[in-house]
Amino acid sequence: MTRPPRDLYRRGADRPAAPRAAAPAPSTAPAREVTSLTNPVVKDLRALHLKKEREASGLFLAEGLKLVTDALDEGWPIRTLVHATRVKDQPLVVRAVAAAKARGALVLEVSDEVLVKICRRDNPQMVVAAFVQKIARLADLAAPSGVWVALEGVKDPGNLGTIIRTVDSVGAAGVILIGDTTDPFALEAVRATMGSLFHVPIAAATLEEFSAWTAAHRLPVWGTHLKGAVDYRSVAWPETCVVLMGNEQSGLPEAYVAVCDGLVKIPMAGKADSLNLAVATAVMLYEVRRRALGV
């Protein structure tokens, strides 16, 4: 599976990815105890619930020990780790704290009240961390292989997170976000991935960039469309291709249909005329990847 480069750029930026900065020096300082709701770091972490703050900082929040551990195990750059005082002696928390400190992250030990403030939830997770966003540009990817999922204008963060999780589950190559999409680093999207965000390559592109990239690599693009004349189960799916899915409201626009090599449809037997985007993507991916999965 082709993985995107580790160099990053912020979504929407019109510049090359900056060279990777030197890793922060390991921290030997003990965790800072914080009980004040007005602490500047607490305010900065809370602000990451806002898209404009995520875009400005290039950071995002991951809630829960599993997600934080997955990110650390995958080598994602971490800036701050926060944990509740009452879980500081749990072995997995101790391990996460050690890993964060080894990468130069700030570690805060806080009260439950502070976690409620950071997470904006009455029942917050006991571990929260701020990580650096990773999104590649198509131009930076090596010659693609495997099955990629391209999403046009997906709006619901829960749908996007679920799709990323499905891509991970079937062993697909990655996700391409085209046009104006929801933020994959919104907290709802991150939660819905259940940690798959840290395993699945994500790229962002305009329609023009996507069309040029698929043409340059001779990648067949199959779109899902209600007017598709071909049942998705009747296609001899190649090992390397792109499955292009439209948005939740209106499906694929005509400009996107024009870049497809073929259109397929998922038959409907009942009164419903369409499926939820995340469900439709899962149905498609398990069929496209059926041979590779040995089903």
C-alpha atoms as a PDB file:
ATOM      1  CA  MET A   1       0.000   0.000   0.000  1.00  0.00           C
ATOM      2  CA  THR A   2       1.341   3.424  -0.950  1.00  0.00           C
ATOM      3  CA  ARG A   3       1.582   5.756   1.997  1.00  0.00           C
ATOM      4  CA  PRO A   4       1.731   9.543   1.658  1.00  0.00           C
ATOM      5  CA  PRO A   5       4.837  11.393   2.741  1.00  0.00           C
ATOM      6  CA  ARG A   6       5.173  12.526   6.315  1.00  0.00           C
ATOM      7  CA  ASP A   7       5.681  16.170   5.353  1.00  0.00           C
ATOM      8  CA  LEU A   8       2.510  18.105   5.962  1.00  0.00           C
ATOM      9  CA  TYR A   9       0.609  21.155   4.895  1.00  0.00           C
ATOM     10  CA  ARG A  10      -2.478  22.748   6.333  1.00  0.00           C
ATOM     11  CA  ARG A  11      -5.732  22.234   4.499  1.00  0.00           C
ATOM     12  CA  GLY A  12      -6.421  24.968   2.028  1.00  0.00           C
ATOM     13  CA  ALA A  13      -2.826  26.144   1.907  1.00  0.00           C
ATOM     14  CA  ASP A  14      -1.584  27.034  -1.567  1.00  0.00           C
ATOM     15  CA  ARG A  15       2.062  26.230  -1.008  1.00  0.00           C
ATOM     16  CA  PRO A  16       4.385  23.224  -0.964  1.00  0.00           C
ATOM     17  CA  ALA A  17       4.615  21.161   2.175  1.00  0.00           C
ATOM     18  CA  ALA A  18       7.245  22.593   4.474  1.00  0.00           C
ATOM     19  CA  PRO A  19      10.284  20.468   5.269  1.00  0.00           C
ATOM     20  CA  ARG A  20       9.779  18.415   8.383  1.00  0.00           C
ATOM     21  CA  ALA A  21      10.956  20.302  11.459  1.00  0.00           C
ATOM     22  CA  ALA A  22      13.401  18.715  13.837  1.00  0.00           C
ATOM     23  CA  ALA A  23      11.685  16.637  16.500  1.00  0.00           C
ATOM     24  CA  PRO A  24      11.273  18.390  19.860  1.00  0.00           C
ATOM     25  CA  ALA A  25      13.785  17.406  22.492  1.00  0.00           C
ATOM     26  CA  PRO A  26      12.570  14.773  24.976  1.00  0.00           C
ATOM     27  CA  SER A  27      11.044  16.253  28.104  1.00  0.00           C
ATOM     28  CA  THR A  28      12.217  15.202  31.549  1.00  0.00           C
ATOM     29  CA  ALA A  29       9.942  17.610  33.381  1.00  0.00           C
ATOM     30  CA  PRO A  30       7.191  16.144  35.563  1.00  0.00           C
ATOM     31  CA  ALA A  31       3.587  16.583  34.492  1.00  0.00           C
ATOM     32  CA  ARG A  32       2.262  20.039  35.268  1.00  0.00           C
ATOM     33  CA  GLU A  33      -0.725  20.003  37.596  1.00  0.00           C
ATOM     34  CA  VAL A  34      -3.511  22.269  36.391  1.00  0.00           C
ATOM     35  CA  THR A  35      -6.727  23.023  38.245  1.00  0.00           C
ATOM     36  CA  SER A  36      -7.560  26.456  36.834  1.00  0.00           C
ATOM     37  CA  LEU A  37     -10.180  26.681  34.107  1.00  0.00           C
ATOM     38  CA  THR A  38      -8.528  29.869  32.859  1.00  0.00           C
ATOM     39  CA  ASN A  39      -5.125  28.299  32.259  1.00  0.00           C
ATOM     40  CA  PRO A  40      -3.851  29.450  28.805  1.00  0.00           C
ATOM     41  CA  VAL A  41      -3.081  25.901  27.646  1.00  0.00           C
ATOM     42  CA  VAL A  42      -6.572  24.780  28.654  1.00  0.00           C
ATOM     43  CA  LYS A  43      -8.020  27.659  26.638  1.00  0.00           C
ATOM     44  CA  ASP A  44      -5.888  26.756  23.605  1.00  0.00           C
ATOM     45  CA  LEU A  45      -6.972  23.118  23.742  1.00  0.00           C
ATOM     46  CA  ARG A  46     -10.613  24.054  24.122  1.00  0.00           C
ATOM     47  CA  ALA A  47     -10.299  26.351  21.103  1.00  0.00           C
ATOM     48  CA  LEU A  48      -9.431  23.343  18.913  1.00  0.00           C
ATOM     49  CA  HIS A  49     -13.140  22.527  18.816  1.00  0.00           C
ATOM     50  CA  LEU A  50     -13.355  25.424  16.333  1.00  0.00           C
ATOM     51  CA  LYS A  51     -12.381  24.804  12.710  1.00  0.00           C
ATOM     52  CA  LYS A  52     -10.700  28.193  12.327  1.00  0.00           C
ATOM     53  CA  GLU A  53      -8.467  27.461  15.326  1.00  0.00           C
ATOM     54  CA  ARG A  54      -7.556  24.027  13.962  1.00  0.00           C
ATOM     55  CA  GLU A  55      -6.664  25.573  10.609  1.00  0.00           C
ATOM     56  CA  ALA A  56      -4.639  28.357  12.227  1.00  0.00           C
ATOM     57  CA  SER A  57      -2.680  26.042  14.516  1.00  0.00           C
ATOM     58  CA  GLY A  58      -2.465  22.924  12.343  1.00  0.00           C
ATOM     59  CA  LEU A  59      -3.471  20.901  15.424  1.00  0.00           C
ATOM     60  CA  PHE A  60      -6.473  18.809  16.436  1.00  0.00           C
ATOM     61  CA  LEU A  61      -7.799  16.989  19.495  1.00  0.00           C
ATOM     62  CA  ALA A  62      -7.960  13.234  20.000  1.00  0.00           C
ATOM     63  CA  GLU A  63     -10.026  12.049  22.964  1.00  0.00           C
ATOM     64  CA  GLY A  64      -9.605   8.778  24.785  1.00  0.00           C
ATOM     65  CA  LEU A  65      -6.709   6.521  25.665  1.00  0.00           C
ATOM     66  CA  LYS A  66      -7.224   4.243  22.638  1.00  0.00           C
ATOM     67  CA  LEU A  67      -7.077   7.055  20.087  1.00  0.00           C
ATOM     68  CA  VAL A  68      -4.144   8.730  21.800  1.00  0.00           C
ATOM     69  CA  THR A  69      -2.244   5.435  22.017  1.00  0.00           C
ATOM     70  CA  ASP A  70      -2.986   4.630  18.357  1.00  0.00           C
ATOM     71  CA  ALA A  71      -1.636   8.018  17.305  1.00  0.00           C
ATOM     72  CA  LEU A  72       1.500   7.673  19.417  1.00  0.00           C
ATOM     73  CA  ASP A  73       2.125   4.147  18.127  1.00  0.00           C
ATOM     74  CA  GLU A  74       1.853   5.441  14.543  1.00  0.00           C
ATOM     75  CA  GLY A  75       4.364   8.187  15.244  1.00  0.00           C
ATOM     76  CA  TRP A  76       2.049  11.185  14.903  1.00  0.00           C
ATOM     77  CA  PRO A  77       3.671  14.398  16.192  1.00  0.00           C
ATOM     78  CA  ILE A  78       2.141  15.325  19.543  1.00  0.00           C
ATOM     79  CA  ARG A  79       2.162  18.746  21.157  1.00  0.00           C
ATOM     80  CA  THR A  80       0.195  18.319  24.401  1.00  0.00           C
ATOM     81  CA  LEU A  81      -1.138  15.380  26.405  1.00  0.00           C
ATOM     82  CA  VAL A  82      -3.669  15.867  29.194  1.00  0.00           C
ATOM     83  CA  HIS A  83      -4.787  13.219  31.673  1.00  0.00           C
ATOM     84  CA  ALA A  84      -6.954  13.150  34.766  1.00  0.00           C
ATOM     85  CA  THR A  85      -5.134  13.010  38.085  1.00  0.00           C
ATOM     86  CA  ARG A  86      -7.119   9.945  39.121  1.00  0.00           C
ATOM     87  CA  VAL A  87      -5.763   7.807  36.250  1.00  0.00           C
ATOM     88  CA  LYS A  88      -2.124   8.874  36.412  1.00  0.00           C
ATOM     89  CA  ASP A  89      -0.958   5.512  37.803  1.00  0.00           C
ATOM     90  CA  GLN A  90      -2.746   3.317  35.261  1.00  0.00           C
ATOM     91  CA  PRO A  91      -0.099   1.410  33.245  1.00  0.00           C
ATOM     92  CA  LEU A  92      -1.393   2.452  29.817  1.00  0.00           C
ATOM     93  CA  VAL A  93      -1.580   6.083  30.882  1.00  0.00           C
ATOM     94  CA  VAL A  94       1.960   5.908  32.264  1.00  0.00           C
ATOM     95  CA  ARG A  95       3.084   4.460  28.914  1.00  0.00           C
ATOM     96  CA  ALA A  96       1.326   7.203  26.938  1.00  0.00           C
ATOM     97  CA  VAL A  97       2.817   9.913  29.150  1.00  0.00           C
ATOM     98  CA  ALA A  98       6.306   8.469  28.682  1.00  0.00           C
ATOM     99  CA  ALA A  99       5.863   8.322  24.897  1.00  0.00           C
ATOM    100  CA  ALA A 100       4.571  11.899  24.783  1.00  0.00           C
ATOM    101  CA  LYS A 101       7.452  13.190  26.892  1.00  0.00           C
ATOM    102  CA  ALA A 102       9.951  11.334  24.711  1.00  0.00           C
ATOM    103  CA  ARG A 103       8.699  13.455  21.810  1.00  0.00           C
ATOM    104  CA  GLY A 104       8.948  16.721  23.682  1.00  0.00           C
ATOM    105  CA  ALA A 105       5.230  17.126  24.366  1.00  0.00           C
ATOM    106  CA  LEU A 106       3.829  19.133  27.232  1.00  0.00           C
ATOM    107  CA  VAL A 107       2.036  16.859  29.731  1.00  0.00           C
ATOM    108  CA  LEU A 108      -0.690  18.213  31.997  1.00  0.00           C
ATOM    109  CA  GLU A 109      -2.254  16.447  34.970  1.00  0.00           C
ATOM    110  CA  VAL A 110      -5.681  17.966  35.518  1.00  0.00           C
ATOM    111  CA  SER A 111      -8.856  17.721  37.543  1.00  0.00           C
ATOM    112  CA  ASP A 112     -12.041  16.220  36.123  1.00  0.00           C
ATOM    113  CA  GLU A 113     -13.484  19.736  36.042  1.00  0.00           C
ATOM    114  CA  VAL A 114     -10.723  20.892  33.711  1.00  0.00           C
ATOM    115  CA  LEU A 115     -11.287  17.883  31.422  1.00  0.00           C
ATOM    116  CA  VAL A 116     -14.977  18.763  31.231  1.00  0.00           C
ATOM    117  CA  LYS A 117     -13.926  22.245  30.128  1.00  0.00           C
ATOM    118  CA  ILE A 118     -11.484  20.968  27.483  1.00  0.00           C
ATOM    119  CA  CYS A 119     -13.770  18.284  26.063  1.00  0.00           C
ATOM    120  CA  ARG A 120     -17.021  20.238  26.377  1.00  0.00           C
ATOM    121  CA  ARG A 121     -18.672  17.097  27.690  1.00  0.00           C
ATOM    122  CA  ASP A 122     -20.092  16.202  31.093  1.00  0.00           C
ATOM    123  CA  ASN A 123     -18.515  12.741  30.885  1.00  0.00           C
ATOM    124  CA  PRO A 124     -15.128  13.403  29.287  1.00  0.00           C
ATOM    125  CA  GLN A 125     -12.474  10.872  28.428  1.00  0.00           C
ATOM    126  CA  MET A 126      -9.670  10.699  30.963  1.00  0.00           C
ATOM    127  CA  VAL A 127      -6.932  11.262  28.359  1.00  0.00           C
ATOM    128  CA  VAL A 128      -6.894  13.952  25.657  1.00  0.00           C
ATOM    129  CA  ALA A 129      -4.091  15.046  23.351  1.00  0.00           C
ATOM    130  CA  ALA A 130      -3.340  17.650  20.700  1.00  0.00           C
ATOM    131  CA  PHE A 131      -1.660  16.237  17.580  1.00  0.00           C
ATOM    132  CA  VAL A 132      -0.357  17.752  14.352  1.00  0.00           C
ATOM    133  CA  GLN A 133      -2.656  17.375  11.349  1.00  0.00           C
ATOM    134  CA  LYS A 134      -1.489  15.238   8.437  1.00  0.00           C
ATOM    135  CA  ILE A 135      -2.942  15.702   4.975  1.00  0.00           C
ATOM    136  CA  ALA A 136      -0.967  15.019   1.814  1.00  0.00           C
ATOM    137  CA  ARG A 137      -1.261  16.564  -1.618  1.00  0.00           C
ATOM    138  CA  LEU A 138      -1.867  14.234  -4.535  1.00  0.00           C
ATOM    139  CA  ALA A 139       1.251  15.563  -6.233  1.00  0.00           C
ATOM    140  CA  ASP A 140       3.333  14.347  -3.290  1.00  0.00           C
ATOM    141  CA  LEU A 141       2.095  10.763  -3.451  1.00  0.00           C
ATOM    142  CA  ALA A 142       4.177   8.038  -5.006  1.00  0.00           C
ATOM    143  CA  ALA A 143       2.720   5.976  -7.842  1.00  0.00           C
ATOM    144  CA  PRO A 144      -0.602   4.836  -6.377  1.00  0.00           C
ATOM    145  CA  SER A 145      -1.624   1.243  -5.854  1.00  0.00           C
ATOM    146  CA  GLY A 146      -4.662  -0.350  -4.283  1.00  0.00           C
ATOM    147  CA  VAL A 147      -8.171   1.033  -4.016  1.00  0.00           C
ATOM    148  CA  TRP A 148      -8.625   4.702  -3.185  1.00  0.00           C
ATOM    149  CA  VAL A 149     -11.881   6.320  -2.108  1.00  0.00           C
ATOM    150  CA  ALA A 150     -12.508   9.848  -3.379  1.00  0.00           C
ATOM    151  CA  LEU A 151     -15.227  11.908  -1.695  1.00  0.00           C
ATOM    152  CA  GLU A 152     -16.835  14.920  -3.318  1.00  0.00           C
ATOM    153  CA  GLY A 153     -18.026  17.577  -0.891  1.00  0.00           C
ATOM    154  CA  VAL A 154     -18.809  15.259   2.030  1.00  0.00           C
ATOM    155  CA  LYS A 155     -20.452  17.418   4.695  1.00  0.00           C
ATOM    156  CA  ASP A 156     -21.137  15.216   7.700  1.00  0.00           C
ATOM    157  CA  PRO A 157     -18.096  14.608   9.958  1.00  0.00           C
ATOM    158  CA  GLY A 158     -19.630  11.421  11.323  1.00  0.00           C
ATOM    159  CA  ASN A 159     -19.985  10.029   7.811  1.00  0.00           C
ATOM    160  CA  LEU A 160     -16.408  10.966   6.962  1.00  0.00           C
ATOM    161  CA  GLY A 161     -15.046   9.357  10.112  1.00  0.00           C
ATOM    162  CA  THR A 162     -17.021   6.177   9.474  1.00  0.00           C
ATOM    163  CA  ILE A 163     -15.751   6.024   5.882  1.00  0.00           C
ATOM    164  CA  ILE A 164     -12.149   6.377   7.056  1.00  0.00           C
ATOM    165  CA  ARG A 165     -12.759   3.510   9.479  1.00  0.00           C
ATOM    166  CA  THR A 166     -14.223   1.381   6.673  1.00  0.00           C
ATOM    167  CA  VAL A 167     -11.277   2.145   4.380  1.00  0.00           C
ATOM    168  CA  ASP A 168      -8.999   0.890   7.136  1.00  0.00           C
ATOM    169  CA  SER A 169     -11.132  -2.207   7.726  1.00  0.00           C
ATOM    170  CA  VAL A 170     -11.052  -3.382   4.098  1.00  0.00           C
ATOM    171  CA  GLY A 171      -7.380  -2.563   3.585  1.00  0.00           C
ATOM    172  CA  ALA A 172      -7.997   0.120   0.981  1.00  0.00           C
ATOM    173  CA  ALA A 173      -5.194   2.529   0.105  1.00  0.00           C
ATOM    174  CA  GLY A 174      -6.565   5.826   1.382  1.00  0.00           C
ATOM    175  CA  VAL A 175      -9.066   8.678   1.139  1.00  0.00           C
ATOM    176  CA  ILE A 176      -9.040  11.670  -1.210  1.00  0.00           C
ATOM    177  CA  LEU A 177     -11.117  14.701  -0.223  1.00  0.00           C
ATOM    178  CA  ILE A 178     -12.172  16.772  -3.223  1.00  0.00           C
ATOM    179  CA  GLY A 179     -13.490  20.303  -3.041  1.00  0.00           C
ATOM    180  CA  ASP A 180     -15.196  21.843  -0.026  1.00  0.00           C
ATOM    181  CA  THR A 181     -15.508  18.999   2.466  1.00  0.00           C
ATOM    182  CA  THR A 182     -16.016  18.695   6.184  1.00  0.00           C
ATOM    183  CA  ASP A 183     -12.886  18.734   8.313  1.00  0.00           C
ATOM    184  CA  PRO A 184     -11.475  15.230   8.923  1.00  0.00           C
ATOM    185  CA  PHE A 185      -9.948  16.619  12.127  1.00  0.00           C
ATOM    186  CA  ALA A 186     -13.236  17.793  13.610  1.00  0.00           C
ATOM    187  CA  LEU A 187     -13.760  15.999  16.904  1.00  0.00           C
ATOM    188  CA  GLU A 188     -16.868  14.149  15.673  1.00  0.00           C
ATOM    189  CA  ALA A 189     -14.957  12.846  12.647  1.00  0.00           C
ATOM    190  CA  VAL A 190     -11.951  11.820  14.742  1.00  0.00           C
ATOM    191  CA  ARG A 191     -14.200   9.948  17.182  1.00  0.00           C
ATOM    192  CA  ALA A 192     -16.027   8.162  14.358  1.00  0.00           C
ATOM    193  CA  THR A 193     -12.770   6.816  12.919  1.00  0.00           C
ATOM    194  CA  MET A 194     -12.143   4.865  16.152  1.00  0.00           C
ATOM    195  CA  GLY A 195      -8.415   5.360  15.607  1.00  0.00           C
ATOM    196  CA  SER A 196      -8.348   4.556  11.884  1.00  0.00           C
ATOM    197  CA  LEU A 197      -7.508   8.197  11.186  1.00  0.00           C
ATOM    198  CA  PHE A 198      -3.981   7.384  12.309  1.00  0.00           C
ATOM    199  CA  HIS A 199      -3.625   4.432   9.924  1.00  0.00           C
ATOM    200  CA  VAL A 200      -5.279   5.702   6.728  1.00  0.00           C
ATOM    201  CA  PRO A 201      -3.565   8.141   4.330  1.00  0.00           C
ATOM    202  CA  ILE A 202      -5.689  11.212   3.568  1.00  0.00           C
ATOM    203  CA  ALA A 203      -5.102  13.587   0.669  1.00  0.00           C
ATOM    204  CA  ALA A 204      -6.880  16.783  -0.362  1.00  0.00           C
ATOM    205  CA  ALA A 205      -7.329  18.085  -3.895  1.00  0.00           C
ATOM    206  CA  THR A 206      -9.373  20.200  -6.248  1.00  0.00           C
ATOM    207  CA  LEU A 207     -11.320  18.473  -9.002  1.00  0.00           C
ATOM    208  CA  GLU A 208      -8.719  19.645 -11.513  1.00  0.00           C
ATOM    209  CA  GLU A 209      -5.862  18.210  -9.442  1.00  0.00           C
ATOM    210  CA  PHE A 210      -7.739  14.940  -8.995  1.00  0.00           C
ATOM    211  CA  SER A 211      -8.453  14.636 -12.718  1.00  0.00           C
ATOM    212  CA  ALA A 212      -4.819  15.349 -13.616  1.00  0.00           C
ATOM    213  CA  TRP A 213      -3.513  12.880 -11.016  1.00  0.00           C
ATOM    214  CA  THR A 214      -5.729   9.995 -12.116  1.00  0.00           C
ATOM    215  CA  ALA A 215      -4.931  10.681 -15.778  1.00  0.00           C
ATOM    216  CA  ALA A 216      -1.184  10.850 -15.135  1.00  0.00           C
ATOM    217  CA  HIS A 217      -1.236   7.483 -13.366  1.00  0.00           C
ATOM    218  CA  ARG A 218      -3.867   5.962 -15.683  1.00  0.00           C
ATOM    219  CA  LEU A 219      -6.098   5.195 -12.737  1.00  0.00           C
ATOM    220  CA  PRO A 220      -9.609   4.042 -13.625  1.00  0.00           C
ATOM    221  CA  VAL A 221     -12.244   6.084 -11.804  1.00  0.00           C
ATOM    222  CA  TRP A 222     -15.615   4.525 -11.039  1.00  0.00           C
ATOM    223  CA  GLY A 223     -18.366   6.810  -9.797  1.00  0.00           C
ATOM    224  CA  THR A 224     -21.566   5.885  -8.010  1.00  0.00           C
ATOM    225  CA  HIS A 225     -24.591   7.465  -9.622  1.00  0.00           C
ATOM    226  CA  LEU A 226     -28.324   6.836  -9.683  1.00  0.00           C
ATOM    227  CA  LYS A 227     -28.097   6.932 -13.474  1.00  0.00           C
ATOM    228  CA  GLY A 228     -25.375   4.323 -13.480  1.00  0.00           C
ATOM    229  CA  ALA A 229     -26.232   1.652 -15.990  1.00  0.00           C
ATOM    230  CA  VAL A 230     -24.055  -1.023 -14.393  1.00  0.00           C
ATOM    231  CA  ASP A 231     -24.802  -2.954 -11.220  1.00  0.00           C
ATOM    232  CA  TYR A 232     -21.789  -2.534  -8.923  1.00  0.00           C
ATOM    233  CA  ARG A 233     -21.627  -6.333  -8.481  1.00  0.00           C
ATOM    234  CA  SER A 234     -21.141  -6.975 -12.193  1.00  0.00           C
ATOM    235  CA  VAL A 235     -17.855  -5.073 -12.579  1.00  0.00           C
ATOM    236  CA  ALA A 236     -14.529  -6.920 -12.745  1.00  0.00           C
ATOM    237  CA  TRP A 237     -12.878  -4.572 -10.289  1.00  0.00           C
ATOM    238  CA  PRO A 238      -9.162  -3.969 -10.876  1.00  0.00           C
ATOM    239  CA  GLU A 239      -6.692  -4.163  -8.018  1.00  0.00           C
ATOM    240  CA  THR A 240      -5.869  -0.472  -8.430  1.00  0.00           C
ATOM    241  CA  CYS A 241      -8.655   2.043  -8.994  1.00  0.00           C
ATOM    242  CA  VAL A 242     -10.541   4.967  -7.481  1.00  0.00           C
ATOM    243  CA  VAL A 243     -14.112   4.761  -6.206  1.00  0.00           C
ATOM    244  CA  LEU A 244     -15.673   8.228  -6.417  1.00  0.00           C
ATOM    245  CA  MET A 245     -18.602   8.953  -4.102  1.00  0.00           C
ATOM    246  CA  GLY A 246     -20.876  12.000  -4.246  1.00  0.00           C
ATOM    247  CA  ASN A 247     -22.054  14.048  -1.290  1.00  0.00           C
ATOM    248  CA  GLU A 248     -24.971  13.258   0.993  1.00  0.00           C
ATOM    249  CA  GLN A 249     -27.467  15.670  -0.530  1.00  0.00           C
ATOM    250  CA  SER A 250     -27.124  15.558  -4.296  1.00  0.00           C
ATOM    251  CA  GLY A 251     -24.715  12.813  -5.297  1.00  0.00           C
ATOM    252  CA  LEU A 252     -22.081  13.358  -7.971  1.00  0.00           C
ATOM    253  CA  PRO A 253     -22.285  16.649  -9.911  1.00  0.00           C
ATOM    254  CA  GLU A 254     -21.969  16.432 -13.683  1.00  0.00           C
ATOM    255  CA  ALA A 255     -18.435  17.851 -13.600  1.00  0.00           C
ATOM    256  CA  TYR A 256     -17.392  14.860 -11.493  1.00  0.00           C
ATOM    257  CA  VAL A 257     -19.297  12.399 -13.648  1.00  0.00           C
ATOM    258  CA  ALA A 258     -17.220  13.684 -16.572  1.00  0.00           C
ATOM    259  CA  VAL A 259     -13.951  12.449 -15.015  1.00  0.00           C
ATOM    260  CA  CYS A 260     -15.298   8.923 -14.438  1.00  0.00           C
ATOM    261  CA  ASP A 261     -14.399   5.978 -16.624  1.00  0.00           C
ATOM    262  CA  GLY A 262     -17.582   4.217 -15.576  1.00  0.00           C
ATOM    263  CA  LEU A 263     -20.690   4.668 -13.436  1.00  0.00           C
ATOM    264  CA  VAL A 264     -22.248   2.060 -11.194  1.00  0.00           C
ATOM    265  CA  LYS A 265     -25.354   1.906  -9.068  1.00  0.00           C
ATOM    266  CA  ILE A 266     -26.425   0.029  -5.959  1.00  0.00           C
ATOM    267  CA  PRO A 267     -29.877  -1.485  -6.610  1.00  0.00           C
ATOM    268  CA  MET A 268     -32.729  -0.486  -4.284  1.00  0.00           C
ATOM    269  CA  ALA A 269     -35.518  -2.950  -3.560  1.00  0.00           C
ATOM    270  CA  GLY A 270     -37.646  -1.006  -1.078  1.00  0.00           C
ATOM    271  CA  LYS A 271     -39.139   2.469  -0.935  1.00  0.00           C
ATOM    272  CA  ALA A 272     -35.842   4.228  -0.171  1.00  0.00           C
ATOM    273  CA  ASP A 273     -34.149   5.712  -3.218  1.00  0.00           C
ATOM    274  CA  SER A 274     -30.660   5.969  -1.734  1.00  0.00           C
ATOM    275  CA  LEU A 275     -28.357   4.879   1.077  1.00  0.00           C
ATOM    276  CA  ASN A 276     -26.513   6.860   3.703  1.00  0.00           C
ATOM    277  CA  LEU A 277     -23.135   7.890   2.248  1.00  0.00           C
ATOM    278  CA  ALA A 278     -21.082   5.926   4.772  1.00  0.00           C
ATOM    279  CA  VAL A 279     -23.226   2.826   4.218  1.00  0.00           C
ATOM    280  CA  ALA A 280     -23.047   3.125   0.428  1.00  0.00           C
ATOM    281  CA  THR A 281     -19.269   3.519   0.586  1.00  0.00           C
ATOM    282  CA  ALA A 282     -18.975   0.423   2.773  1.00  0.00           C
ATOM    283  CA  VAL A 283     -21.137  -1.606   0.375  1.00  0.00           C
ATOM    284  CA  MET A 284     -18.979  -0.503  -2.544  1.00  0.00           C
ATOM    285  CA  LEU A 285     -15.645  -1.118  -0.838  1.00  0.00           C
ATOM    286  CA  TYR A 286     -16.436  -4.615   0.335  1.00  0.00           C
ATOM    287  CA  GLU A 287     -17.421  -5.551  -3.204  1.00  0.00           C
ATOM    288  CA  VAL A 288     -14.400  -3.876  -4.815  1.00  0.00           C
ATOM    289  CA  ARG A 289     -12.067  -5.510  -2.285  1.00  0.00           C
ATOM    290  CA  ARG A 290     -13.906  -8.859  -2.144  1.00  0.00           C
ATOM    291  CA  ARG A 291     -11.243 -10.789  -4.046  1.00  0.00           C
ATOM    292  CA  ALA A 292      -8.424  -9.343  -1.941  1.00  0.00           C
ATOM    293  CA  LEU A 293     -10.356 -10.212   1.219  1.00  0.00           C
ATOM    294  CA  GLY A 294     -10.768 -13.790   0.040  1.00  0.00           C
ATOM    295  CA  VAL A 295     -14.566 -13.692   0.157  1.00  0.00           C
END
